[in-house]
Amino acid sequence: MFVASIVGSVWLIVASARYDDEGARLPTGRQIFGVPSQSITPAPAR
């Protein structure tokens, strides 16, 4: 069972390295999933 888990993990790594994730690119706008990705106001100095 342990060897099967290791072989499966290696197979997933090889398969993911072989194919590019074209459809999984994150948007480059200011929001990701409705959450702002950049602060509008700068953080206060400490």
N, C-alpha and C. Protein backbone atom coordinates (compact mmCIF):
# COMPACT_ATOMS: atom_id res chain seq x y z
N MET A 1 0.83 -1.18 0.00
CA MET A 1 0.00 0.00 0.00
C MET A 1 0.88 1.25 0.00
N PHE A 2 1.94 1.24 0.77
CA PHE A 2 2.84 2.39 0.83
C PHE A 2 3.49 2.65 -0.52
N VAL A 3 3.95 1.58 -1.18
CA VAL A 3 4.60 1.72 -2.48
C VAL A 3 3.62 2.25 -3.51
N ALA A 4 2.37 1.82 -3.47
CA ALA A 4 1.36 2.31 -4.40
C ALA A 4 1.12 3.81 -4.18
N SER A 5 1.15 4.27 -2.95
CA SER A 5 0.97 5.70 -2.66
C SER A 5 2.14 6.51 -3.22
N ILE A 6 3.35 6.01 -3.05
CA ILE A 6 4.53 6.71 -3.56
C ILE A 6 4.49 6.77 -5.08
N VAL A 7 4.15 5.65 -5.72
CA VAL A 7 4.08 5.61 -7.19
C VAL A 7 3.00 6.55 -7.69
N GLY A 8 1.87 6.59 -7.04
CA GLY A 8 0.80 7.51 -7.43
C GLY A 8 1.21 8.96 -7.28
N SER A 9 1.92 9.28 -6.22
CA SER A 9 2.39 10.65 -6.01
C SER A 9 3.39 11.06 -7.08
N VAL A 10 4.31 10.18 -7.40
CA VAL A 10 5.30 10.47 -8.43
C VAL A 10 4.61 10.64 -9.78
N TRP A 11 3.61 9.81 -10.06
CA TRP A 11 2.89 9.92 -11.33
C TRP A 11 2.17 11.26 -11.43
N LEU A 12 1.54 11.72 -10.33
CA LEU A 12 0.86 13.02 -10.35
C LEU A 12 1.84 14.16 -10.58
N ILE A 13 3.02 14.09 -9.98
CA ILE A 13 4.03 15.14 -10.16
C ILE A 13 4.50 15.16 -11.61
N VAL A 14 4.77 14.00 -12.19
CA VAL A 14 5.23 13.94 -13.58
C VAL A 14 4.14 14.42 -14.52
N ALA A 15 2.90 13.99 -14.30
CA ALA A 15 1.80 14.39 -15.17
C ALA A 15 1.55 15.89 -15.08
N SER A 16 1.64 16.48 -13.89
CA SER A 16 1.39 17.91 -13.75
C SER A 16 2.53 18.74 -14.33
N ALA A 17 3.73 18.22 -14.31
CA ALA A 17 4.86 18.96 -14.90
C ALA A 17 4.81 18.91 -16.42
N ARG A 18 4.18 17.89 -16.97
CA ARG A 18 4.14 17.70 -18.41
C ARG A 18 3.12 18.62 -19.08
N TYR A 19 2.01 18.92 -18.41
CA TYR A 19 0.92 19.68 -19.02
C TYR A 19 0.79 21.04 -18.34
N ASP A 20 0.64 22.09 -19.16
CA ASP A 20 0.47 23.44 -18.64
C ASP A 20 -1.00 23.66 -18.26
N ASP A 21 -1.24 24.38 -17.20
CA ASP A 21 -2.60 24.65 -16.74
C ASP A 21 -3.09 25.95 -17.36
N GLU A 22 -3.49 25.92 -18.62
CA GLU A 22 -3.95 27.12 -19.30
C GLU A 22 -5.24 27.66 -18.69
N GLY A 23 -6.17 26.78 -18.34
CA GLY A 23 -7.45 27.22 -17.82
C GLY A 23 -7.42 27.62 -16.36
N ALA A 24 -6.32 27.39 -15.67
CA ALA A 24 -6.27 27.65 -14.24
C ALA A 24 -5.54 28.95 -13.90
N ARG A 25 -5.32 29.80 -14.87
CA ARG A 25 -4.64 31.06 -14.59
C ARG A 25 -5.53 31.97 -13.74
N LEU A 26 -4.95 32.62 -12.76
CA LEU A 26 -5.69 33.55 -11.92
C LEU A 26 -5.84 34.87 -12.64
N PRO A 27 -6.96 35.55 -12.42
CA PRO A 27 -7.12 36.87 -13.03
C PRO A 27 -6.08 37.85 -12.49
N THR A 28 -5.69 38.80 -13.33
CA THR A 28 -4.65 39.75 -12.92
C THR A 28 -5.23 41.09 -12.48
N GLY A 29 -6.54 41.14 -12.26
CA GLY A 29 -7.18 42.39 -11.83
C GLY A 29 -6.91 42.67 -10.36
N ARG A 30 -7.70 43.59 -9.82
CA ARG A 30 -7.53 43.98 -8.42
C ARG A 30 -8.29 43.08 -7.47
N GLN A 31 -9.14 42.19 -7.99
CA GLN A 31 -9.90 41.30 -7.12
C GLN A 31 -9.73 39.86 -7.57
N ILE A 32 -9.62 38.97 -6.61
CA ILE A 32 -9.56 37.54 -6.86
C ILE A 32 -10.68 36.92 -6.05
N PHE A 33 -11.64 36.29 -6.71
CA PHE A 33 -12.82 35.70 -6.07
C PHE A 33 -13.57 36.73 -5.24
N GLY A 34 -13.62 37.98 -5.70
CA GLY A 34 -14.36 39.03 -5.01
C GLY A 34 -13.63 39.66 -3.84
N VAL A 35 -12.42 39.23 -3.56
CA VAL A 35 -11.64 39.78 -2.44
C VAL A 35 -10.54 40.67 -3.02
N PRO A 36 -10.41 41.90 -2.54
CA PRO A 36 -9.35 42.77 -3.07
C PRO A 36 -7.97 42.15 -2.87
N SER A 37 -7.17 42.19 -3.92
CA SER A 37 -5.83 41.60 -3.84
C SER A 37 -4.78 42.63 -3.47
N GLN A 38 -5.16 43.90 -3.51
CA GLN A 38 -4.23 44.97 -3.14
C GLN A 38 -4.93 45.90 -2.16
N SER A 39 -4.17 46.44 -1.24
CA SER A 39 -4.73 47.38 -0.28
C SER A 39 -4.94 48.72 -0.97
N ILE A 40 -6.09 49.33 -0.74
CA ILE A 40 -6.39 50.62 -1.36
C ILE A 40 -5.64 51.72 -0.63
N THR A 41 -5.58 51.62 0.69
CA THR A 41 -4.86 52.61 1.48
C THR A 41 -3.59 51.96 2.03
N PRO A 42 -2.52 52.71 2.12
CA PRO A 42 -1.29 52.12 2.68
C PRO A 42 -1.45 51.79 4.16
N ALA A 43 -0.75 50.80 4.59
CA ALA A 43 -0.78 50.40 5.99
C ALA A 43 -0.12 51.48 6.85
N PRO A 44 -0.62 51.70 8.05
CA PRO A 44 0.00 52.71 8.92
C PRO A 44 1.40 52.29 9.35
N ALA A 45 2.26 53.30 9.55
CA ALA A 45 3.63 53.02 9.98
C ALA A 45 3.62 52.54 11.42
N ARG A 46 4.50 51.65 11.74
CA ARG A 46 4.57 51.13 13.12
C ARG A 46 5.69 51.79 13.86
